[in-house]
């Protein structure tokens, strides 16, 4: 018998490389674009009035007024409305 190398290992290597190339290209083509939505929060904004600094007498007065209005049953629109 002749000592001839079998073509099966070459075919197996070629098939493996082709399969890997197809898998990689399918992953690249099927991947969604990262720039599809640049900012999910782009439409959010706030037109709130400025409030007093934390810990200031004016802030304490605002809190006291809110509590008094709540206890008296008065309702006032929220200061921070999302629009």
C-alpha atoms as a PDB file:
ATOM      1  CA  UNK A   1       0.000   0.000   0.000  1.00  0.00           C
ATOM      2  CA  UNK A   2       1.067   3.513  -0.669  1.00  0.00           C
ATOM      3  CA  UNK A   3       1.612   6.005   2.083  1.00  0.00           C
ATOM      4  CA  UNK A   4      -0.759   8.722   0.826  1.00  0.00           C
ATOM      5  CA  UNK A   5      -2.163  11.440   3.056  1.00  0.00           C
ATOM      6  CA  UNK A   6      -5.928  11.295   3.287  1.00  0.00           C
ATOM      7  CA  UNK A   7      -7.836  14.422   2.160  1.00  0.00           C
ATOM      8  CA  UNK A   8     -10.295  14.125   5.083  1.00  0.00           C
ATOM      9  CA  UNK A   9      -8.323  16.250   7.608  1.00  0.00           C
ATOM     10  CA  UNK A  10      -7.981  19.056   5.053  1.00  0.00           C
ATOM     11  CA  UNK A  11     -11.698  18.977   4.340  1.00  0.00           C
ATOM     12  CA  UNK A  12     -12.462  19.034   8.053  1.00  0.00           C
ATOM     13  CA  UNK A  13     -10.214  22.061   8.601  1.00  0.00           C
ATOM     14  CA  UNK A  14     -11.691  23.854   5.578  1.00  0.00           C
ATOM     15  CA  UNK A  15     -15.250  23.138   6.702  1.00  0.00           C
ATOM     16  CA  UNK A  16     -14.455  24.370  10.223  1.00  0.00           C
ATOM     17  CA  UNK A  17     -12.927  27.611   8.935  1.00  0.00           C
ATOM     18  CA  UNK A  18     -15.838  28.257   6.568  1.00  0.00           C
ATOM     19  CA  UNK A  19     -18.346  27.559   9.335  1.00  0.00           C
ATOM     20  CA  UNK A  20     -16.560  29.946  11.692  1.00  0.00           C
ATOM     21  CA  UNK A  21     -16.466  32.657   9.010  1.00  0.00           C
ATOM     22  CA  UNK A  22     -20.199  32.275   8.361  1.00  0.00           C
ATOM     23  CA  UNK A  23     -20.984  32.440  12.089  1.00  0.00           C
ATOM     24  CA  UNK A  24     -18.874  35.566  12.618  1.00  0.00           C
ATOM     25  CA  UNK A  25     -20.320  37.354   9.585  1.00  0.00           C
ATOM     26  CA  UNK A  26     -23.878  36.509  10.662  1.00  0.00           C
ATOM     27  CA  UNK A  27     -23.170  37.984  14.092  1.00  0.00           C
ATOM     28  CA  UNK A  28     -21.742  41.182  12.625  1.00  0.00           C
ATOM     29  CA  UNK A  29     -24.566  41.657  10.112  1.00  0.00           C
ATOM     30  CA  UNK A  30     -27.290  40.878  12.661  1.00  0.00           C
ATOM     31  CA  UNK A  31     -25.946  43.158  15.409  1.00  0.00           C
ATOM     32  CA  UNK A  32     -28.058  46.282  16.001  1.00  0.00           C
ATOM     33  CA  UNK A  33     -26.456  49.664  15.552  1.00  0.00           C
ATOM     34  CA  UNK A  34     -25.334  51.360  18.769  1.00  0.00           C
ATOM     35  CA  UNK A  35     -26.264  54.777  17.406  1.00  0.00           C
ATOM     36  CA  UNK A  36     -29.934  53.973  16.801  1.00  0.00           C
ATOM     37  CA  UNK A  37     -31.122  56.139  19.727  1.00  0.00           C
ATOM     38  CA  UNK A  38     -28.501  58.659  20.836  1.00  0.00           C
ATOM     39  CA  UNK A  39     -30.408  59.693  23.968  1.00  0.00           C
ATOM     40  CA  UNK A  40     -33.334  57.880  25.517  1.00  0.00           C
ATOM     41  CA  UNK A  41     -33.957  60.940  27.719  1.00  0.00           C
ATOM     42  CA  UNK A  42     -33.641  63.631  25.037  1.00  0.00           C
ATOM     43  CA  UNK A  43     -37.335  64.566  25.183  1.00  0.00           C
ATOM     44  CA  UNK A  44     -37.424  65.045  28.964  1.00  0.00           C
ATOM     45  CA  UNK A  45     -37.207  68.556  30.281  1.00  0.00           C
ATOM     46  CA  UNK A  46     -38.186  70.543  33.342  1.00  0.00           C
ATOM     47  CA  UNK A  47     -39.613  74.037  33.464  1.00  0.00           C
ATOM     48  CA  UNK A  48     -39.747  74.065  37.254  1.00  0.00           C
ATOM     49  CA  UNK A  49     -39.497  77.217  39.293  1.00  0.00           C
ATOM     50  CA  UNK A  50     -36.344  77.493  41.322  1.00  0.00           C
ATOM     51  CA  UNK A  51     -36.720  76.607  44.967  1.00  0.00           C
ATOM     52  CA  UNK A  52     -34.870  77.877  47.978  1.00  0.00           C
ATOM     53  CA  UNK A  53     -31.557  76.363  48.988  1.00  0.00           C
ATOM     54  CA  UNK A  54     -31.712  73.308  51.260  1.00  0.00           C
ATOM     55  CA  UNK A  55     -31.644  74.246  54.935  1.00  0.00           C
ATOM     56  CA  UNK A  56     -32.477  77.903  54.292  1.00  0.00           C
ATOM     57  CA  UNK A  57     -35.296  79.697  56.141  1.00  0.00           C
ATOM     58  CA  UNK A  58     -37.137  80.146  52.835  1.00  0.00           C
ATOM     59  CA  UNK A  59     -37.092  76.378  52.221  1.00  0.00           C
ATOM     60  CA  UNK A  60     -38.403  75.715  55.731  1.00  0.00           C
ATOM     61  CA  UNK A  61     -41.215  78.205  55.068  1.00  0.00           C
ATOM     62  CA  UNK A  62     -42.123  76.428  51.801  1.00  0.00           C
ATOM     63  CA  UNK A  63     -42.309  73.106  53.635  1.00  0.00           C
ATOM     64  CA  UNK A  64     -44.418  74.603  56.420  1.00  0.00           C
ATOM     65  CA  UNK A  65     -46.821  76.142  53.875  1.00  0.00           C
ATOM     66  CA  UNK A  66     -47.153  72.798  52.092  1.00  0.00           C
ATOM     67  CA  UNK A  67     -47.959  71.030  55.355  1.00  0.00           C
ATOM     68  CA  UNK A  68     -50.512  73.687  56.332  1.00  0.00           C
ATOM     69  CA  UNK A  69     -52.203  73.512  52.928  1.00  0.00           C
ATOM     70  CA  UNK A  70     -52.345  69.742  53.157  1.00  0.00           C
ATOM     71  CA  UNK A  71     -53.832  69.827  56.658  1.00  0.00           C
ATOM     72  CA  UNK A  72     -56.409  72.404  55.550  1.00  0.00           C
ATOM     73  CA  UNK A  73     -57.431  70.226  52.602  1.00  0.00           C
ATOM     74  CA  UNK A  74     -56.194  72.682  50.019  1.00  0.00           C
ATOM     75  CA  UNK A  75     -54.546  71.257  46.994  1.00  0.00           C
ATOM     76  CA  UNK A  76     -51.938  73.046  45.003  1.00  0.00           C
ATOM     77  CA  UNK A  77     -50.338  71.956  41.751  1.00  0.00           C
ATOM     78  CA  UNK A  78     -47.036  70.171  42.166  1.00  0.00           C
ATOM     79  CA  UNK A  79     -43.966  72.337  41.717  1.00  0.00           C
ATOM     80  CA  UNK A  80     -42.066  69.780  39.669  1.00  0.00           C
ATOM     81  CA  UNK A  81     -44.348  68.690  36.858  1.00  0.00           C
ATOM     82  CA  UNK A  82     -42.803  66.653  34.054  1.00  0.00           C
ATOM     83  CA  UNK A  83     -43.831  68.223  30.787  1.00  0.00           C
END
